[in-house]
Amino acid sequence: MSNQNMGEHLNNLSDDAKTYIESEIAYYKLDAYKKLIKATSSLLKFLINAGIVLLIFAFLSIGLGLLLGKLIGYYYVGFFIIAGIYFVILLLILIFGKPFIEKSVLKIYNQIFEDI
């Protein structure tokens, strides 16, 4: 009687362990899916916002280039000045921007994967 009873308990334990493992696998699949959706939506929002900001800067640059060109008397000089300003900004970002960029990326990833 005890061997048969022990066998049933082991079978039940085995079934419970399989159910538990399947439940854990399903949970982690859903969790990964949720994080993937959150990361994808964050990337999409970033790309849309970056595109809008790029358009704003483009039109502001054109307007400022035309304004400076009109004040100086030669339109192309105004555009060269604006291009020079952007070049200086690029150099500053390349020289001093690495810690800021790394910190920003880390902050974004922490927000996406805060549940880990």
N, C-alpha and C. Protein backbone atom coordinates (compact mmCIF):
# COMPACT_ATOMS: atom_id res chain seq x y z
N MET A 1 0.82 -1.19 0.00
CA MET A 1 0.00 0.00 0.00
C MET A 1 0.86 1.26 0.00
N SER A 2 1.90 1.26 0.76
CA SER A 2 2.72 2.47 0.80
C SER A 2 3.51 2.67 -0.49
N ASN A 3 3.93 1.56 -1.15
CA ASN A 3 4.64 1.71 -2.42
C ASN A 3 3.71 2.27 -3.49
N GLN A 4 2.46 1.78 -3.50
CA GLN A 4 1.50 2.28 -4.49
C GLN A 4 1.16 3.74 -4.19
N ASN A 5 0.97 4.06 -2.92
CA ASN A 5 0.68 5.43 -2.50
C ASN A 5 1.85 6.35 -2.83
N MET A 6 3.07 5.85 -2.60
CA MET A 6 4.27 6.63 -2.89
C MET A 6 4.39 6.87 -4.40
N GLY A 7 4.06 5.89 -5.20
CA GLY A 7 4.09 6.03 -6.65
C GLY A 7 3.11 7.07 -7.14
N GLU A 8 1.92 7.09 -6.57
CA GLU A 8 0.93 8.11 -6.95
C GLU A 8 1.42 9.50 -6.59
N HIS A 9 2.03 9.63 -5.42
CA HIS A 9 2.57 10.93 -5.01
C HIS A 9 3.68 11.39 -5.95
N LEU A 10 4.54 10.44 -6.35
CA LEU A 10 5.61 10.80 -7.28
C LEU A 10 5.04 11.18 -8.64
N ASN A 11 4.02 10.47 -9.10
CA ASN A 11 3.37 10.83 -10.37
C ASN A 11 2.74 12.22 -10.28
N ASN A 12 2.06 12.48 -9.17
CA ASN A 12 1.44 13.80 -8.97
C ASN A 12 2.50 14.89 -8.89
N LEU A 13 3.60 14.57 -8.21
CA LEU A 13 4.69 15.54 -8.11
C LEU A 13 5.28 15.82 -9.48
N SER A 14 5.46 14.79 -10.27
CA SER A 14 5.98 14.96 -11.62
C SER A 14 5.03 15.79 -12.47
N ASP A 15 3.73 15.53 -12.40
CA ASP A 15 2.76 16.31 -13.15
C ASP A 15 2.74 17.77 -12.69
N ASP A 16 2.81 17.97 -11.38
CA ASP A 16 2.83 19.34 -10.85
C ASP A 16 4.09 20.09 -11.30
N ALA A 17 5.22 19.39 -11.31
CA ALA A 17 6.46 20.02 -11.75
C ALA A 17 6.38 20.40 -13.23
N LYS A 18 5.82 19.52 -14.06
CA LYS A 18 5.66 19.84 -15.48
C LYS A 18 4.75 21.04 -15.67
N THR A 19 3.64 21.06 -14.92
CA THR A 19 2.70 22.19 -15.02
C THR A 19 3.37 23.48 -14.59
N TYR A 20 4.15 23.41 -13.50
CA TYR A 20 4.85 24.59 -13.00
C TYR A 20 5.85 25.11 -14.05
N ILE A 21 6.63 24.22 -14.62
CA ILE A 21 7.62 24.61 -15.62
C ILE A 21 6.94 25.21 -16.85
N GLU A 22 5.86 24.61 -17.30
CA GLU A 22 5.13 25.15 -18.45
C GLU A 22 4.56 26.52 -18.14
N SER A 23 4.08 26.70 -16.91
CA SER A 23 3.55 28.01 -16.50
C SER A 23 4.65 29.06 -16.46
N GLU A 24 5.81 28.69 -15.96
CA GLU A 24 6.94 29.62 -15.91
C GLU A 24 7.39 30.00 -17.32
N ILE A 25 7.44 29.03 -18.21
CA ILE A 25 7.84 29.31 -19.59
C ILE A 25 6.84 30.27 -20.23
N ALA A 26 5.55 30.03 -20.01
CA ALA A 26 4.52 30.91 -20.58
C ALA A 26 4.64 32.31 -19.99
N TYR A 27 4.91 32.40 -18.69
CA TYR A 27 5.06 33.72 -18.05
C TYR A 27 6.23 34.49 -18.66
N TYR A 28 7.37 33.84 -18.81
CA TYR A 28 8.54 34.53 -19.35
C TYR A 28 8.37 34.89 -20.82
N LYS A 29 7.63 34.07 -21.57
CA LYS A 29 7.32 34.43 -22.95
C LYS A 29 6.48 35.70 -22.99
N LEU A 30 5.46 35.76 -22.14
CA LEU A 30 4.60 36.96 -22.09
C LEU A 30 5.38 38.18 -21.62
N ASP A 31 6.27 37.98 -20.64
CA ASP A 31 7.07 39.08 -20.14
C ASP A 31 8.02 39.60 -21.22
N ALA A 32 8.64 38.68 -21.95
CA ALA A 32 9.53 39.10 -23.05
C ALA A 32 8.74 39.81 -24.14
N TYR A 33 7.54 39.33 -24.43
CA TYR A 33 6.68 39.96 -25.44
C TYR A 33 6.32 41.38 -25.00
N LYS A 34 5.98 41.54 -23.74
CA LYS A 34 5.62 42.87 -23.21
C LYS A 34 6.81 43.82 -23.34
N LYS A 35 8.00 43.36 -22.99
CA LYS A 35 9.19 44.21 -23.07
C LYS A 35 9.55 44.53 -24.52
N LEU A 36 9.35 43.56 -25.41
CA LEU A 36 9.61 43.81 -26.83
C LEU A 36 8.66 44.86 -27.38
N ILE A 37 7.39 44.78 -27.02
CA ILE A 37 6.41 45.77 -27.47
C ILE A 37 6.76 47.15 -26.91
N LYS A 38 7.14 47.19 -25.64
CA LYS A 38 7.49 48.48 -25.03
C LYS A 38 8.74 49.08 -25.69
N ALA A 39 9.73 48.25 -25.97
CA ALA A 39 10.95 48.73 -26.62
C ALA A 39 10.66 49.19 -28.05
N THR A 40 9.83 48.44 -28.76
CA THR A 40 9.50 48.81 -30.13
C THR A 40 8.72 50.12 -30.17
N SER A 41 7.76 50.27 -29.27
CA SER A 41 6.98 51.51 -29.26
C SER A 41 7.85 52.70 -28.85
N SER A 42 8.78 52.48 -27.94
CA SER A 42 9.70 53.56 -27.56
C SER A 42 10.58 53.96 -28.74
N LEU A 43 11.06 52.97 -29.48
CA LEU A 43 11.89 53.26 -30.66
C LEU A 43 11.09 54.01 -31.71
N LEU A 44 9.85 53.60 -31.93
CA LEU A 44 9.01 54.26 -32.92
C LEU A 44 8.72 55.71 -32.52
N LYS A 45 8.40 55.93 -31.24
CA LYS A 45 8.17 57.29 -30.76
C LYS A 45 9.43 58.15 -30.93
N PHE A 46 10.58 57.55 -30.63
CA PHE A 46 11.83 58.28 -30.78
C PHE A 46 12.07 58.67 -32.23
N LEU A 47 11.85 57.73 -33.15
CA LEU A 47 12.08 58.01 -34.56
C LEU A 47 11.13 59.09 -35.08
N ILE A 48 9.88 59.05 -34.65
CA ILE A 48 8.92 60.08 -35.08
C ILE A 48 9.33 61.44 -34.53
N ASN A 49 9.66 61.48 -33.24
CA ASN A 49 10.08 62.75 -32.64
C ASN A 49 11.36 63.27 -33.27
N ALA A 50 12.31 62.36 -33.54
CA ALA A 50 13.56 62.79 -34.17
C ALA A 50 13.31 63.33 -35.57
N GLY A 51 12.40 62.72 -36.31
CA GLY A 51 12.07 63.22 -37.64
C GLY A 51 11.45 64.60 -37.60
N ILE A 52 10.56 64.82 -36.64
CA ILE A 52 9.93 66.14 -36.50
C ILE A 52 10.97 67.19 -36.11
N VAL A 53 11.84 66.84 -35.17
CA VAL A 53 12.89 67.77 -34.75
C VAL A 53 13.83 68.07 -35.92
N LEU A 54 14.14 67.06 -36.70
CA LEU A 54 15.00 67.26 -37.87
C LEU A 54 14.36 68.22 -38.87
N LEU A 55 13.08 68.08 -39.11
CA LEU A 55 12.39 69.00 -40.01
C LEU A 55 12.39 70.43 -39.46
N ILE A 56 12.15 70.55 -38.15
CA ILE A 56 12.16 71.88 -37.53
C ILE A 56 13.53 72.53 -37.69
N PHE A 57 14.60 71.76 -37.38
CA PHE A 57 15.94 72.31 -37.53
C PHE A 57 16.25 72.66 -38.98
N ALA A 58 15.78 71.85 -39.91
CA ALA A 58 16.04 72.12 -41.33
C ALA A 58 15.41 73.44 -41.73
N PHE A 59 14.14 73.64 -41.39
CA PHE A 59 13.48 74.88 -41.78
C PHE A 59 14.04 76.09 -41.03
N LEU A 60 14.37 75.91 -39.76
CA LEU A 60 15.00 77.01 -39.02
C LEU A 60 16.37 77.35 -39.61
N SER A 61 17.12 76.33 -40.00
CA SER A 61 18.44 76.58 -40.60
C SER A 61 18.31 77.31 -41.93
N ILE A 62 17.36 76.89 -42.74
CA ILE A 62 17.16 77.57 -44.02
C ILE A 62 16.76 79.03 -43.79
N GLY A 63 15.82 79.23 -42.87
CA GLY A 63 15.38 80.60 -42.58
C GLY A 63 16.50 81.45 -42.03
N LEU A 64 17.26 80.89 -41.10
CA LEU A 64 18.37 81.65 -40.52
C LEU A 64 19.46 81.91 -41.56
N GLY A 65 19.72 80.92 -42.42
CA GLY A 65 20.70 81.11 -43.48
C GLY A 65 20.29 82.22 -44.45
N LEU A 66 19.00 82.23 -44.80
CA LEU A 66 18.51 83.30 -45.69
C LEU A 66 18.58 84.66 -45.01
N LEU A 67 18.22 84.70 -43.72
CA LEU A 67 18.27 85.96 -42.99
C LEU A 67 19.70 86.49 -42.90
N LEU A 68 20.64 85.62 -42.51
CA LEU A 68 22.04 86.06 -42.44
C LEU A 68 22.57 86.46 -43.81
N GLY A 69 22.19 85.70 -44.82
CA GLY A 69 22.63 86.04 -46.18
C GLY A 69 22.11 87.38 -46.63
N LYS A 70 20.86 87.68 -46.27
CA LYS A 70 20.30 88.98 -46.64
C LYS A 70 21.01 90.11 -45.90
N LEU A 71 21.32 89.89 -44.60
CA LEU A 71 22.01 90.91 -43.82
C LEU A 71 23.43 91.14 -44.34
N ILE A 72 24.11 90.08 -44.74
CA ILE A 72 25.49 90.19 -45.23
C ILE A 72 25.52 90.66 -46.68
N GLY A 73 24.52 90.27 -47.44
CA GLY A 73 24.49 90.66 -48.84
C GLY A 73 24.69 89.49 -49.80
N TYR A 74 25.14 88.36 -49.28
CA TYR A 74 25.35 87.16 -50.10
C TYR A 74 24.68 85.99 -49.39
N TYR A 75 23.69 85.40 -50.05
CA TYR A 75 22.93 84.33 -49.41
C TYR A 75 23.79 83.11 -49.07
N TYR A 76 24.73 82.78 -49.94
CA TYR A 76 25.53 81.58 -49.71
C TYR A 76 26.40 81.72 -48.46
N VAL A 77 26.81 82.94 -48.12
CA VAL A 77 27.63 83.15 -46.92
C VAL A 77 26.81 82.84 -45.66
N GLY A 78 25.54 83.19 -45.68
CA GLY A 78 24.67 82.87 -44.56
C GLY A 78 24.56 81.36 -44.34
N PHE A 79 24.47 80.62 -45.44
CA PHE A 79 24.40 79.16 -45.31
C PHE A 79 25.74 78.58 -44.83
N PHE A 80 26.84 79.16 -45.27
CA PHE A 80 28.14 78.70 -44.79
C PHE A 80 28.30 78.95 -43.29
N ILE A 81 27.80 80.08 -42.83
CA ILE A 81 27.87 80.38 -41.39
C ILE A 81 27.07 79.36 -40.59
N ILE A 82 25.87 79.07 -41.05
CA ILE A 82 25.03 78.07 -40.36
C ILE A 82 25.71 76.71 -40.38
N ALA A 83 26.27 76.31 -41.52
CA ALA A 83 26.98 75.04 -41.62
C ALA A 83 28.18 75.01 -40.67
N GLY A 84 28.88 76.12 -40.55
CA GLY A 84 30.01 76.21 -39.62
C GLY A 84 29.58 76.06 -38.18
N ILE A 85 28.45 76.66 -37.84
CA ILE A 85 27.92 76.53 -36.47
C ILE A 85 27.60 75.06 -36.19
N TYR A 86 26.95 74.38 -37.13
CA TYR A 86 26.64 72.97 -36.95
C TYR A 86 27.91 72.12 -36.87
N PHE A 87 28.92 72.49 -37.62
CA PHE A 87 30.18 71.76 -37.57
C PHE A 87 30.83 71.89 -36.20
N VAL A 88 30.81 73.08 -35.63
CA VAL A 88 31.37 73.30 -34.28
C VAL A 88 30.58 72.50 -33.25
N ILE A 89 29.26 72.49 -33.38
CA ILE A 89 28.43 71.70 -32.46
C ILE A 89 28.77 70.22 -32.58
N LEU A 90 28.94 69.73 -33.81
CA LEU A 90 29.32 68.33 -34.02
C LEU A 90 30.65 68.02 -33.36
N LEU A 91 31.63 68.89 -33.52
CA LEU A 91 32.93 68.67 -32.88
C LEU A 91 32.81 68.63 -31.36
N LEU A 92 32.01 69.52 -30.79
CA LEU A 92 31.82 69.52 -29.34
C LEU A 92 31.15 68.23 -28.86
N ILE A 93 30.18 67.76 -29.63
CA ILE A 93 29.52 66.50 -29.27
C ILE A 93 30.50 65.33 -29.36
N LEU A 94 31.31 65.30 -30.40
CA LEU A 94 32.28 64.21 -30.55
C LEU A 94 33.32 64.23 -29.44
N ILE A 95 33.70 65.42 -29.00
CA ILE A 95 34.73 65.52 -27.97
C ILE A 95 34.16 65.30 -26.56
N PHE A 96 33.06 65.96 -26.26
CA PHE A 96 32.55 65.95 -24.89
C PHE A 96 31.24 65.19 -24.69
N GLY A 97 30.64 64.67 -25.74
CA GLY A 97 29.29 64.14 -25.63
C GLY A 97 29.16 62.68 -25.22
N LYS A 98 30.25 61.91 -25.22
CA LYS A 98 30.16 60.49 -24.95
C LYS A 98 29.52 60.17 -23.60
N PRO A 99 29.95 60.78 -22.50
CA PRO A 99 29.30 60.47 -21.21
C PRO A 99 27.81 60.82 -21.19
N PHE A 100 27.46 61.94 -21.80
CA PHE A 100 26.06 62.35 -21.83
C PHE A 100 25.22 61.36 -22.64
N ILE A 101 25.75 60.93 -23.78
CA ILE A 101 25.02 60.00 -24.63
C ILE A 101 24.87 58.65 -23.94
N GLU A 102 25.95 58.15 -23.33
CA GLU A 102 25.89 56.87 -22.63
C GLU A 102 24.89 56.94 -21.47
N LYS A 103 24.89 58.02 -20.74
CA LYS A 103 23.97 58.19 -19.62
C LYS A 103 22.52 58.22 -20.11
N SER A 104 22.27 58.90 -21.21
CA SER A 104 20.92 58.98 -21.76
C SER A 104 20.44 57.63 -22.24
N VAL A 105 21.29 56.89 -22.94
CA VAL A 105 20.90 55.57 -23.43
C VAL A 105 20.65 54.62 -22.27
N LEU A 106 21.50 54.66 -21.26
CA LEU A 106 21.31 53.81 -20.08
C LEU A 106 20.00 54.14 -19.38
N LYS A 107 19.67 55.41 -19.28
CA LYS A 107 18.42 55.82 -18.65
C LYS A 107 17.22 55.31 -19.43
N ILE A 108 17.27 55.38 -20.76
CA ILE A 108 16.17 54.90 -21.59
C ILE A 108 16.00 53.40 -21.43
N TYR A 109 17.11 52.65 -21.47
CA TYR A 109 17.01 51.20 -21.30
C TYR A 109 16.53 50.83 -19.91
N ASN A 110 16.91 51.57 -18.90
CA ASN A 110 16.42 51.30 -17.55
C ASN A 110 14.91 51.51 -17.47
N GLN A 111 14.39 52.51 -18.16
CA GLN A 111 12.95 52.71 -18.17
C GLN A 111 12.23 51.58 -18.88
N ILE A 112 12.81 51.08 -19.97
CA ILE A 112 12.17 50.00 -20.73
C ILE A 112 12.19 48.70 -19.95
N PHE A 113 13.33 48.38 -19.35
CA PHE A 113 13.48 47.08 -18.70
C PHE A 113 13.48 47.20 -17.17
N GLU A 114 12.69 48.07 -16.63
CA GLU A 114 12.67 48.29 -15.18
C GLU A 114 12.09 47.11 -14.42
N ASP A 115 11.38 46.23 -15.06
CA ASP A 115 10.76 45.11 -14.38
C ASP A 115 11.72 43.95 -14.11
N ILE A 116 12.92 44.02 -14.68
CA ILE A 116 13.85 42.90 -14.52
C ILE A 116 14.36 42.82 -13.10
